[in-house]
Amino acid sequence: MAFYLALDVGGTKTEYVLADDSRELGRVRGGTIKRMRTDAQTATQNLNKALSELTALTGVSMKSITRSCVGAAGVTVALVTDWIREAFAERVGGSLILVGDVEIALDAAFFGGPGVLVMAGTGSNVAGRTVTGELTTAGGWGPALADQGSGSRIGHQALRDTFFAIDEDRITTLLPAILELWQLHDLDSLIGYANQIPAPDFTRLAPLVVKCAAEGDGVAQNVLHREAEELAHLAHLVIKRLMRNASGQRPDWTPDLAFTGSILEHVAPIRDGIVSALRHNHPSLKVLPGTVDPILGALWRARIGESSVAN
């Protein structure tokens, strides 16, 4: 029997799935093994713990694995790829496919075919695969430069817009909600806290923005609307690239759209706003239901045994 191991390596956590040819046998979550985010000792401990849990859960030895696929950001960085290859060679049997996290997310939605994927969680990115198999992206430059529609950006922009509302003598329920969440007593303490170095975790404010928007707060609603519009614009840029690439083969084709990430799973105003904005320019746009699980793309690739897919 063949066994396949799939990993989705993030900056704070790593997801693992062990499967055979037809079904998942076990799934665990562990700490990050991305060497840009943690030291070698911690990465090793995290990997060993997760692999041991998988073996205990499934009864399958890691040396019995036929093929593994690891999806990770930073696969062009030797520190990341060299460590993963060496660690797997020592612990896991079979061959290893190492690809970017964007690729496994696209594979989870389109199984090697063309399409556009919008990703938004703590950060954000938009990726597409052309009909000829090339990858293209927009955004994804990190919190200081991009991350439109992400949890971090929503929280930070809400804080900025709250103070702009103060300047304009407008009332917003965001202000008392933020003070309560961060356990601050007044505006002066909020100013100091928000401007500290290192900065606070603005992602924590995102659920407050969603709640206040649902209760009718105009400032919160505008934040969500604007972030959805900006992320939709990035998706529009990628859609246009894919359409240009396919114009000789499919002149009337519009790529399908898929979503992944906690924001797009749980924050309907962002997801609905993206779809609404895109359909102004692409009325025939088809949107896949729900959100895709990127690790399923890694599992699909481990099963087919190809590091790249031509279309």
C-alpha atoms as a PDB file:
ATOM      1  CA  MET A   1       0.000   0.000   0.000  1.00  0.00           C
ATOM      2  CA  ALA A   2       1.197   3.501  -0.827  1.00  0.00           C
ATOM      3  CA  PHE A   3       1.216   6.235   1.805  1.00  0.00           C
ATOM      4  CA  TYR A   4       1.430   9.971   1.168  1.00  0.00           C
ATOM      5  CA  LEU A   5       2.442  12.782   3.505  1.00  0.00           C
ATOM      6  CA  ALA A   6       1.389  16.381   2.901  1.00  0.00           C
ATOM      7  CA  LEU A   7       2.548  19.490   4.768  1.00  0.00           C
ATOM      8  CA  ASP A   8       1.435  23.105   4.698  1.00  0.00           C
ATOM      9  CA  VAL A   9       4.249  25.045   6.379  1.00  0.00           C
ATOM     10  CA  GLY A  10       3.235  28.423   7.770  1.00  0.00           C
ATOM     11  CA  GLY A  11       5.058  31.052   9.747  1.00  0.00           C
ATOM     12  CA  THR A  12       3.465  30.067  13.072  1.00  0.00           C
ATOM     13  CA  LYS A  13       2.133  26.546  12.498  1.00  0.00           C
ATOM     14  CA  THR A  14       2.454  23.530  10.218  1.00  0.00           C
ATOM     15  CA  GLU A  15      -0.410  21.303   9.091  1.00  0.00           C
ATOM     16  CA  TYR A  16       0.216  17.597   8.364  1.00  0.00           C
ATOM     17  CA  VAL A  17      -1.974  15.053   6.560  1.00  0.00           C
ATOM     18  CA  LEU A  18      -1.167  11.364   6.087  1.00  0.00           C
ATOM     19  CA  ALA A  19      -3.219   9.478   3.503  1.00  0.00           C
ATOM     20  CA  ASP A  20      -3.315   6.444   1.268  1.00  0.00           C
ATOM     21  CA  ASP A  21      -4.568   6.390  -2.322  1.00  0.00           C
ATOM     22  CA  SER A  22      -8.190   7.003  -1.405  1.00  0.00           C
ATOM     23  CA  ARG A  23      -8.574   8.482   2.077  1.00  0.00           C
ATOM     24  CA  GLU A  24      -7.032  10.558   4.826  1.00  0.00           C
ATOM     25  CA  LEU A  25      -5.621   8.470   7.639  1.00  0.00           C
ATOM     26  CA  GLY A  26      -4.639  11.213  10.059  1.00  0.00           C
ATOM     27  CA  ARG A  27      -4.173  14.936  10.436  1.00  0.00           C
ATOM     28  CA  VAL A  28      -2.178  16.879  13.032  1.00  0.00           C
ATOM     29  CA  ARG A  29      -1.037  20.439  13.605  1.00  0.00           C
ATOM     30  CA  GLY A  30       2.347  21.446  14.981  1.00  0.00           C
ATOM     31  CA  GLY A  31       4.610  24.439  15.399  1.00  0.00           C
ATOM     32  CA  THR A  32       6.344  26.012  12.434  1.00  0.00           C
ATOM     33  CA  ILE A  33       9.295  24.297  10.781  1.00  0.00           C
ATOM     34  CA  LYS A  34      10.047  27.301   8.585  1.00  0.00           C
ATOM     35  CA  ARG A  35      13.661  28.177   9.287  1.00  0.00           C
ATOM     36  CA  MET A  36      13.156  31.863   8.498  1.00  0.00           C
ATOM     37  CA  ARG A  37      10.772  31.991  11.466  1.00  0.00           C
ATOM     38  CA  THR A  38      12.455  29.718  14.019  1.00  0.00           C
ATOM     39  CA  ASP A  39      15.813  28.229  14.939  1.00  0.00           C
ATOM     40  CA  ALA A  40      16.958  24.774  13.839  1.00  0.00           C
ATOM     41  CA  GLN A  41      16.497  23.209  17.283  1.00  0.00           C
ATOM     42  CA  THR A  42      12.898  24.385  17.614  1.00  0.00           C
ATOM     43  CA  ALA A  43      12.061  23.394  14.038  1.00  0.00           C
ATOM     44  CA  THR A  44      13.504  19.940  14.656  1.00  0.00           C
ATOM     45  CA  GLN A  45      11.526  19.524  17.868  1.00  0.00           C
ATOM     46  CA  ASN A  46       8.315  20.626  16.134  1.00  0.00           C
ATOM     47  CA  LEU A  47       8.831  18.227  13.230  1.00  0.00           C
ATOM     48  CA  ASN A  48       9.708  15.265  15.437  1.00  0.00           C
ATOM     49  CA  LYS A  49       6.683  15.837  17.655  1.00  0.00           C
ATOM     50  CA  ALA A  50       4.245  16.080  14.730  1.00  0.00           C
ATOM     51  CA  LEU A  51       5.611  13.034  12.926  1.00  0.00           C
ATOM     52  CA  SER A  52       5.465  11.007  16.146  1.00  0.00           C
ATOM     53  CA  GLU A  53       1.838  12.064  16.639  1.00  0.00           C
ATOM     54  CA  LEU A  54       0.987  10.997  13.087  1.00  0.00           C
ATOM     55  CA  THR A  55       2.574   7.597  13.616  1.00  0.00           C
ATOM     56  CA  ALA A  56       0.739   7.137  16.912  1.00  0.00           C
ATOM     57  CA  LEU A  57      -2.537   8.224  15.312  1.00  0.00           C
ATOM     58  CA  THR A  58      -2.302   6.052  12.185  1.00  0.00           C
ATOM     59  CA  GLY A  59       0.098   3.256  13.013  1.00  0.00           C
ATOM     60  CA  VAL A  60       2.080   4.110   9.868  1.00  0.00           C
ATOM     61  CA  SER A  61       5.856   4.440  10.141  1.00  0.00           C
ATOM     62  CA  MET A  62       7.265   7.552   8.518  1.00  0.00           C
ATOM     63  CA  LYS A  63       9.818   5.318   6.776  1.00  0.00           C
ATOM     64  CA  SER A  64       6.871   3.692   4.949  1.00  0.00           C
ATOM     65  CA  ILE A  65       5.891   6.914   3.184  1.00  0.00           C
ATOM     66  CA  THR A  66       5.871   6.604  -0.610  1.00  0.00           C
ATOM     67  CA  ARG A  67       6.014  10.295  -1.364  1.00  0.00           C
ATOM     68  CA  SER A  68       5.726  13.615   0.496  1.00  0.00           C
ATOM     69  CA  CYS A  69       4.778  17.067  -0.691  1.00  0.00           C
ATOM     70  CA  VAL A  70       5.683  20.119   1.376  1.00  0.00           C
ATOM     71  CA  GLY A  71       4.201  23.499   0.537  1.00  0.00           C
ATOM     72  CA  ALA A  72       5.989  26.430   2.147  1.00  0.00           C
ATOM     73  CA  ALA A  73       6.580  30.115   1.657  1.00  0.00           C
ATOM     74  CA  GLY A  74      10.194  30.977   0.934  1.00  0.00           C
ATOM     75  CA  VAL A  75      11.070  27.917  -1.159  1.00  0.00           C
ATOM     76  CA  THR A  76      13.569  30.043  -3.078  1.00  0.00           C
ATOM     77  CA  VAL A  77      15.528  30.542   0.154  1.00  0.00           C
ATOM     78  CA  ALA A  78      18.228  27.922   0.709  1.00  0.00           C
ATOM     79  CA  LEU A  79      17.880  28.145   4.500  1.00  0.00           C
ATOM     80  CA  VAL A  80      14.294  26.933   4.174  1.00  0.00           C
ATOM     81  CA  THR A  81      14.663  24.303   1.465  1.00  0.00           C
ATOM     82  CA  ASP A  82      17.977  22.792   2.573  1.00  0.00           C
ATOM     83  CA  TRP A  83      16.745  22.256   6.123  1.00  0.00           C
ATOM     84  CA  ILE A  84      13.479  20.635   4.973  1.00  0.00           C
ATOM     85  CA  ARG A  85      15.238  18.314   2.522  1.00  0.00           C
ATOM     86  CA  GLU A  86      17.790  17.192   5.100  1.00  0.00           C
ATOM     87  CA  ALA A  87      15.175  16.738   7.827  1.00  0.00           C
ATOM     88  CA  PHE A  88      12.940  14.625   5.590  1.00  0.00           C
ATOM     89  CA  ALA A  89      15.822  12.529   4.276  1.00  0.00           C
ATOM     90  CA  GLU A  90      16.602  11.511   7.863  1.00  0.00           C
ATOM     91  CA  ARG A  91      13.044  10.881   9.035  1.00  0.00           C
ATOM     92  CA  VAL A  92      10.668  10.157   6.156  1.00  0.00           C
ATOM     93  CA  GLY A  93      10.820   7.488   3.462  1.00  0.00           C
ATOM     94  CA  GLY A  94      10.142   7.934  -0.242  1.00  0.00           C
ATOM     95  CA  SER A  95      10.596  10.970  -2.445  1.00  0.00           C
ATOM     96  CA  LEU A  96       9.976  14.627  -1.589  1.00  0.00           C
ATOM     97  CA  ILE A  97       8.252  17.333  -3.607  1.00  0.00           C
ATOM     98  CA  LEU A  98       8.911  20.850  -2.313  1.00  0.00           C
ATOM     99  CA  VAL A  99       6.812  23.696  -3.726  1.00  0.00           C
ATOM    100  CA  GLY A 100       5.525  27.116  -2.714  1.00  0.00           C
ATOM    101  CA  ASP A 101       2.523  27.618  -0.466  1.00  0.00           C
ATOM    102  CA  VAL A 102       0.817  29.492  -3.298  1.00  0.00           C
ATOM    103  CA  GLU A 103       1.076  26.426  -5.532  1.00  0.00           C
ATOM    104  CA  ILE A 104      -0.530  24.017  -3.091  1.00  0.00           C
ATOM    105  CA  ALA A 105      -3.359  26.482  -2.464  1.00  0.00           C
ATOM    106  CA  LEU A 106      -3.984  26.754  -6.215  1.00  0.00           C
ATOM    107  CA  ASP A 107      -3.845  22.968  -6.514  1.00  0.00           C
ATOM    108  CA  ALA A 108      -6.433  22.599  -3.761  1.00  0.00           C
ATOM    109  CA  ALA A 109      -8.807  24.690  -5.854  1.00  0.00           C
ATOM    110  CA  PHE A 110      -7.927  23.782  -9.432  1.00  0.00           C
ATOM    111  CA  PHE A 111      -5.908  20.527  -9.327  1.00  0.00           C
ATOM    112  CA  GLY A 112      -3.124  21.814 -11.554  1.00  0.00           C
ATOM    113  CA  GLY A 113      -5.422  23.737 -13.879  1.00  0.00           C
ATOM    114  CA  PRO A 114      -5.781  27.478 -14.459  1.00  0.00           C
ATOM    115  CA  GLY A 115      -7.608  29.775 -12.083  1.00  0.00           C
ATOM    116  CA  VAL A 116      -7.287  32.615  -9.580  1.00  0.00           C
ATOM    117  CA  LEU A 117      -7.049  32.248  -5.814  1.00  0.00           C
ATOM    118  CA  VAL A 118      -7.520  35.068  -3.305  1.00  0.00           C
ATOM    119  CA  MET A 119      -5.884  34.393   0.058  1.00  0.00           C
ATOM    120  CA  ALA A 120      -6.600  36.482   3.155  1.00  0.00           C
ATOM    121  CA  GLY A 121      -5.895  35.609   6.761  1.00  0.00           C
ATOM    122  CA  THR A 122      -3.334  37.412   8.905  1.00  0.00           C
ATOM    123  CA  GLY A 123      -1.793  38.520   5.579  1.00  0.00           C
ATOM    124  CA  SER A 124      -3.070  38.380   2.009  1.00  0.00           C
ATOM    125  CA  ASN A 125      -2.052  37.484  -1.519  1.00  0.00           C
ATOM    126  CA  VAL A 126      -3.631  36.845  -4.919  1.00  0.00           C
ATOM    127  CA  ALA A 127      -2.268  34.107  -7.154  1.00  0.00           C
ATOM    128  CA  GLY A 128      -3.168  32.713 -10.542  1.00  0.00           C
ATOM    129  CA  ARG A 129      -2.075  29.914 -12.832  1.00  0.00           C
ATOM    130  CA  THR A 130      -2.311  30.472 -16.579  1.00  0.00           C
ATOM    131  CA  VAL A 131      -3.591  27.934 -19.112  1.00  0.00           C
ATOM    132  CA  THR A 132       0.043  27.240 -19.977  1.00  0.00           C
ATOM    133  CA  GLY A 133       0.965  26.565 -16.342  1.00  0.00           C
ATOM    134  CA  GLU A 134       2.807  29.744 -15.300  1.00  0.00           C
ATOM    135  CA  LEU A 135       2.231  31.273 -11.891  1.00  0.00           C
ATOM    136  CA  THR A 136       1.505  34.961 -11.396  1.00  0.00           C
ATOM    137  CA  THR A 137       0.739  36.926  -8.246  1.00  0.00           C
ATOM    138  CA  ALA A 138      -0.329  40.378  -7.045  1.00  0.00           C
ATOM    139  CA  GLY A 139       0.054  41.729  -3.537  1.00  0.00           C
ATOM    140  CA  GLY A 140       1.556  39.551  -0.853  1.00  0.00           C
ATOM    141  CA  TRP A 141       4.343  42.018  -0.041  1.00  0.00           C
ATOM    142  CA  GLY A 142       3.826  41.848   3.708  1.00  0.00           C
ATOM    143  CA  PRO A 143       2.090  44.123   6.238  1.00  0.00           C
ATOM    144  CA  ALA A 144       4.238  47.212   5.651  1.00  0.00           C
ATOM    145  CA  LEU A 145       3.735  47.186   1.881  1.00  0.00           C
ATOM    146  CA  ALA A 146       0.486  45.387   1.048  1.00  0.00           C
ATOM    147  CA  ASP A 147      -1.747  42.740   2.716  1.00  0.00           C
ATOM    148  CA  GLN A 148      -4.964  44.330   1.480  1.00  0.00           C
ATOM    149  CA  GLY A 149      -8.039  42.749   3.049  1.00  0.00           C
ATOM    150  CA  SER A 150      -6.014  40.860   5.662  1.00  0.00           C
ATOM    151  CA  GLY A 151      -6.753  40.677   9.356  1.00  0.00           C
ATOM    152  CA  SER A 152      -3.736  42.832  10.126  1.00  0.00           C
ATOM    153  CA  ARG A 153      -4.670  45.476   7.580  1.00  0.00           C
ATOM    154  CA  ILE A 154      -8.332  45.546   8.644  1.00  0.00           C
ATOM    155  CA  GLY A 155      -7.334  46.118  12.265  1.00  0.00           C
ATOM    156  CA  HIS A 156      -4.728  48.755  11.476  1.00  0.00           C
ATOM    157  CA  GLN A 157      -6.950  50.665   9.054  1.00  0.00           C
ATOM    158  CA  ALA A 158      -9.817  50.582  11.533  1.00  0.00           C
ATOM    159  CA  LEU A 159      -7.576  52.193  14.136  1.00  0.00           C
ATOM    160  CA  ARG A 160      -6.488  54.881  11.653  1.00  0.00           C
ATOM    161  CA  ASP A 161     -10.092  55.555  10.606  1.00  0.00           C
ATOM    162  CA  THR A 162     -11.170  55.737  14.242  1.00  0.00           C
ATOM    163  CA  PHE A 163      -8.780  58.626  14.835  1.00  0.00           C
ATOM    164  CA  PHE A 164      -9.816  60.258  11.568  1.00  0.00           C
ATOM    165  CA  ALA A 165     -13.405  60.088  12.817  1.00  0.00           C
ATOM    166  CA  ILE A 166     -12.265  61.813  16.032  1.00  0.00           C
ATOM    167  CA  ASP A 167     -10.725  64.605  13.937  1.00  0.00           C
ATOM    168  CA  GLU A 168     -14.027  64.996  12.073  1.00  0.00           C
ATOM    169  CA  ASP A 169     -16.098  64.971  15.290  1.00  0.00           C
ATOM    170  CA  ARG A 170     -17.817  61.730  14.271  1.00  0.00           C
ATOM    171  CA  ILE A 171     -18.764  59.048  16.781  1.00  0.00           C
ATOM    172  CA  THR A 172     -17.756  55.428  16.222  1.00  0.00           C
ATOM    173  CA  THR A 173     -18.381  52.414  18.433  1.00  0.00           C
ATOM    174  CA  LEU A 174     -14.932  51.185  17.417  1.00  0.00           C
ATOM    175  CA  LEU A 175     -13.268  53.493  19.944  1.00  0.00           C
ATOM    176  CA  PRO A 176     -14.780  52.068  23.151  1.00  0.00           C
ATOM    177  CA  ALA A 177     -14.511  48.534  21.722  1.00  0.00           C
ATOM    178  CA  ILE A 178     -10.783  48.944  21.061  1.00  0.00           C
ATOM    179  CA  LEU A 179     -10.172  50.469  24.495  1.00  0.00           C
ATOM    180  CA  GLU A 180     -11.948  47.549  26.140  1.00  0.00           C
ATOM    181  CA  LEU A 181     -10.115  44.882  24.121  1.00  0.00           C
ATOM    182  CA  TRP A 182      -6.692  46.342  24.823  1.00  0.00           C
ATOM    183  CA  GLN A 183      -7.659  47.165  28.429  1.00  0.00           C
ATOM    184  CA  LEU A 184      -6.812  50.850  28.066  1.00  0.00           C
ATOM    185  CA  HIS A 185      -8.463  53.629  30.006  1.00  0.00           C
ATOM    186  CA  ASP A 186      -8.455  56.660  27.738  1.00  0.00           C
ATOM    187  CA  LEU A 187      -7.476  58.134  24.387  1.00  0.00           C
ATOM    188  CA  ASP A 188      -3.978  59.136  25.491  1.00  0.00           C
ATOM    189  CA  SER A 189      -3.147  55.590  26.554  1.00  0.00           C
ATOM    190  CA  LEU A 190      -4.467  54.290  23.223  1.00  0.00           C
ATOM    191  CA  ILE A 191      -2.258  56.715  21.305  1.00  0.00           C
ATOM    192  CA  GLY A 192       0.805  55.536  23.189  1.00  0.00           C
ATOM    193  CA  TYR A 193      -0.099  51.868  22.864  1.00  0.00           C
ATOM    194  CA  ALA A 194      -0.825  52.036  19.123  1.00  0.00           C
ATOM    195  CA  ASN A 195       2.437  53.861  18.362  1.00  0.00           C
ATOM    196  CA  GLN A 196       4.734  51.664  20.432  1.00  0.00           C
ATOM    197  CA  ILE A 197       7.656  49.782  18.897  1.00  0.00           C
ATOM    198  CA  PRO A 198       7.267  46.922  18.265  1.00  0.00           C
ATOM    199  CA  ALA A 199       3.689  47.551  17.183  1.00  0.00           C
ATOM    200  CA  PRO A 200       0.760  45.778  18.846  1.00  0.00           C
ATOM    201  CA  ASP A 201      -1.017  42.921  17.110  1.00  0.00           C
ATOM    202  CA  PHE A 202      -3.518  44.777  14.923  1.00  0.00           C
ATOM    203  CA  THR A 203      -5.006  41.456  13.777  1.00  0.00           C
ATOM    204  CA  ARG A 204      -6.757  41.200  17.142  1.00  0.00           C
ATOM    205  CA  LEU A 205      -8.895  44.194  16.177  1.00  0.00           C
ATOM    206  CA  ALA A 206     -10.361  42.558  13.060  1.00  0.00           C
ATOM    207  CA  PRO A 207     -13.196  40.712  14.861  1.00  0.00           C
ATOM    208  CA  LEU A 208     -14.168  43.994  16.529  1.00  0.00           C
ATOM    209  CA  VAL A 209     -14.397  45.690  13.147  1.00  0.00           C
ATOM    210  CA  VAL A 210     -16.637  42.920  11.824  1.00  0.00           C
ATOM    211  CA  LYS A 211     -18.862  43.104  14.922  1.00  0.00           C
ATOM    212  CA  CYS A 212     -19.176  46.889  14.852  1.00  0.00           C
ATOM    213  CA  ALA A 213     -19.891  46.840  11.114  1.00  0.00           C
ATOM    214  CA  ALA A 214     -22.660  44.274  11.601  1.00  0.00           C
ATOM    215  CA  GLU A 215     -24.169  46.522  14.278  1.00  0.00           C
ATOM    216  CA  GLY A 216     -24.274  49.448  11.845  1.00  0.00           C
ATOM    217  CA  ASP A 217     -21.126  51.429  12.619  1.00  0.00           C
ATOM    218  CA  GLY A 218     -20.293  53.443   9.508  1.00  0.00           C
ATOM    219  CA  VAL A 219     -16.568  53.687  10.154  1.00  0.00           C
ATOM    220  CA  ALA A 220     -16.243  49.910  10.518  1.00  0.00           C
ATOM    221  CA  GLN A 221     -18.409  49.284   7.464  1.00  0.00           C
ATOM    222  CA  ASN A 222     -16.268  51.601   5.362  1.00  0.00           C
ATOM    223  CA  VAL A 223     -13.076  49.807   6.425  1.00  0.00           C
ATOM    224  CA  LEU A 224     -14.435  46.455   5.277  1.00  0.00           C
ATOM    225  CA  HIS A 225     -15.782  47.913   2.033  1.00  0.00           C
ATOM    226  CA  ARG A 226     -12.487  49.609   1.167  1.00  0.00           C
ATOM    227  CA  GLU A 227     -10.358  46.559   1.988  1.00  0.00           C
ATOM    228  CA  ALA A 228     -12.615  44.342  -0.138  1.00  0.00           C
ATOM    229  CA  GLU A 229     -12.333  46.789  -3.048  1.00  0.00           C
ATOM    230  CA  GLU A 230      -8.541  46.901  -2.828  1.00  0.00           C
ATOM    231  CA  LEU A 231      -8.179  43.126  -2.662  1.00  0.00           C
ATOM    232  CA  ALA A 232     -10.644  42.813  -5.564  1.00  0.00           C
ATOM    233  CA  HIS A 233      -8.450  45.146  -7.614  1.00  0.00           C
ATOM    234  CA  LEU A 234      -5.469  42.840  -7.123  1.00  0.00           C
ATOM    235  CA  ALA A 235      -7.617  39.889  -8.199  1.00  0.00           C
ATOM    236  CA  HIS A 236      -8.717  41.871 -11.261  1.00  0.00           C
ATOM    237  CA  LEU A 237      -5.071  42.414 -12.236  1.00  0.00           C
ATOM    238  CA  VAL A 238      -4.358  38.673 -12.042  1.00  0.00           C
ATOM    239  CA  ILE A 239      -7.544  37.790 -13.937  1.00  0.00           C
ATOM    240  CA  LYS A 240      -6.531  40.139 -16.752  1.00  0.00           C
ATOM    241  CA  ARG A 241      -3.085  38.535 -16.983  1.00  0.00           C
ATOM    242  CA  LEU A 242      -4.609  35.070 -17.268  1.00  0.00           C
ATOM    243  CA  MET A 243      -7.078  36.249 -19.893  1.00  0.00           C
ATOM    244  CA  ARG A 244      -4.296  37.831 -21.963  1.00  0.00           C
ATOM    245  CA  ASN A 245      -2.280  34.628 -21.712  1.00  0.00           C
ATOM    246  CA  ALA A 246      -5.251  32.566 -22.920  1.00  0.00           C
ATOM    247  CA  SER A 247      -6.482  34.953 -25.624  1.00  0.00           C
ATOM    248  CA  GLY A 248      -5.029  32.879 -28.459  1.00  0.00           C
ATOM    249  CA  GLN A 249      -6.587  29.641 -27.208  1.00  0.00           C
ATOM    250  CA  ARG A 250      -9.694  30.758 -25.308  1.00  0.00           C
ATOM    251  CA  PRO A 251     -10.670  34.257 -26.480  1.00  0.00           C
ATOM    252  CA  ASP A 252     -13.871  34.452 -24.397  1.00  0.00           C
ATOM    253  CA  TRP A 253     -12.550  32.668 -21.291  1.00  0.00           C
ATOM    254  CA  THR A 254     -12.704  34.062 -17.754  1.00  0.00           C
ATOM    255  CA  PRO A 255     -10.785  32.118 -15.066  1.00  0.00           C
ATOM    256  CA  ASP A 256     -12.672  30.758 -12.087  1.00  0.00           C
ATOM    257  CA  LEU A 257     -12.099  32.343  -8.674  1.00  0.00           C
ATOM    258  CA  ALA A 258     -11.466  30.569  -5.377  1.00  0.00           C
ATOM    259  CA  PHE A 259     -10.900  31.747  -1.810  1.00  0.00           C
ATOM    260  CA  THR A 260      -8.792  30.569   1.097  1.00  0.00           C
ATOM    261  CA  GLY A 261      -7.909  31.935   4.533  1.00  0.00           C
ATOM    262  CA  SER A 262      -9.715  32.780   7.749  1.00  0.00           C
ATOM    263  CA  ILE A 263     -10.855  36.247   6.670  1.00  0.00           C
ATOM    264  CA  LEU A 264     -12.478  34.953   3.490  1.00  0.00           C
ATOM    265  CA  GLU A 265     -13.993  32.044   5.387  1.00  0.00           C
ATOM    266  CA  HIS A 266     -15.509  34.072   8.215  1.00  0.00           C
ATOM    267  CA  VAL A 267     -15.901  37.712   7.093  1.00  0.00           C
ATOM    268  CA  ALA A 268     -18.770  37.821   4.608  1.00  0.00           C
ATOM    269  CA  PRO A 269     -18.505  41.578   3.831  1.00  0.00           C
ATOM    270  CA  ILE A 270     -14.948  41.086   2.540  1.00  0.00           C
ATOM    271  CA  ARG A 271     -15.779  38.018   0.462  1.00  0.00           C
ATOM    272  CA  ASP A 272     -19.048  39.431  -0.892  1.00  0.00           C
ATOM    273  CA  GLY A 273     -17.405  42.784  -1.574  1.00  0.00           C
ATOM    274  CA  ILE A 274     -14.658  41.141  -3.638  1.00  0.00           C
ATOM    275  CA  VAL A 275     -17.163  39.193  -5.732  1.00  0.00           C
ATOM    276  CA  SER A 276     -19.389  42.233  -6.255  1.00  0.00           C
ATOM    277  CA  ALA A 277     -16.466  44.438  -7.331  1.00  0.00           C
ATOM    278  CA  LEU A 278     -15.063  41.838  -9.718  1.00  0.00           C
ATOM    279  CA  ARG A 279     -18.374  41.154 -11.415  1.00  0.00           C
ATOM    280  CA  HIS A 280     -18.546  44.763 -12.579  1.00  0.00           C
ATOM    281  CA  ASN A 281     -15.705  43.957 -14.971  1.00  0.00           C
ATOM    282  CA  HIS A 282     -16.189  40.194 -15.236  1.00  0.00           C
ATOM    283  CA  PRO A 283     -19.950  39.467 -15.182  1.00  0.00           C
ATOM    284  CA  SER A 284     -19.456  35.804 -16.130  1.00  0.00           C
ATOM    285  CA  LEU A 285     -17.039  35.165 -13.254  1.00  0.00           C
ATOM    286  CA  LYS A 286     -17.592  31.790 -11.573  1.00  0.00           C
ATOM    287  CA  VAL A 287     -16.734  31.601  -7.861  1.00  0.00           C
ATOM    288  CA  LEU A 288     -16.022  28.267  -6.202  1.00  0.00           C
ATOM    289  CA  PRO A 289     -18.139  27.715  -3.069  1.00  0.00           C
ATOM    290  CA  GLY A 290     -16.630  27.903   0.390  1.00  0.00           C
ATOM    291  CA  THR A 291     -12.890  28.173   0.982  1.00  0.00           C
ATOM    292  CA  VAL A 292     -10.210  25.717  -0.091  1.00  0.00           C
ATOM    293  CA  ASP A 293      -7.876  23.895   2.305  1.00  0.00           C
ATOM    294  CA  PRO A 294      -4.318  24.359   0.935  1.00  0.00           C
ATOM    295  CA  ILE A 295      -2.981  21.133   2.428  1.00  0.00           C
ATOM    296  CA  LEU A 296      -5.331  19.189   0.169  1.00  0.00           C
ATOM    297  CA  GLY A 297      -3.382  20.639  -2.751  1.00  0.00           C
ATOM    298  CA  ALA A 298      -0.175  19.273  -1.248  1.00  0.00           C
ATOM    299  CA  LEU A 299      -1.843  15.893  -0.810  1.00  0.00           C
ATOM    300  CA  TRP A 300      -3.071  15.897  -4.412  1.00  0.00           C
ATOM    301  CA  ARG A 301       0.432  16.687  -5.644  1.00  0.00           C
ATOM    302  CA  ALA A 302       1.982  13.991  -3.444  1.00  0.00           C
ATOM    303  CA  ARG A 303      -0.423  11.435  -4.898  1.00  0.00           C
ATOM    304  CA  ILE A 304       0.186  12.348  -8.551  1.00  0.00           C
ATOM    305  CA  GLY A 305       3.932  12.637  -7.984  1.00  0.00           C
ATOM    306  CA  GLU A 306       4.660  15.738 -10.027  1.00  0.00           C
ATOM    307  CA  SER A 307       6.442  18.880  -8.855  1.00  0.00           C
ATOM    308  CA  SER A 308       4.904  20.959 -11.636  1.00  0.00           C
ATOM    309  CA  VAL A 309       1.860  20.537 -13.826  1.00  0.00           C
ATOM    310  CA  ALA A 310       1.601  21.656 -17.440  1.00  0.00           C
ATOM    311  CA  ASN A 311      -1.786  22.523 -18.872  1.00  0.00           C
END
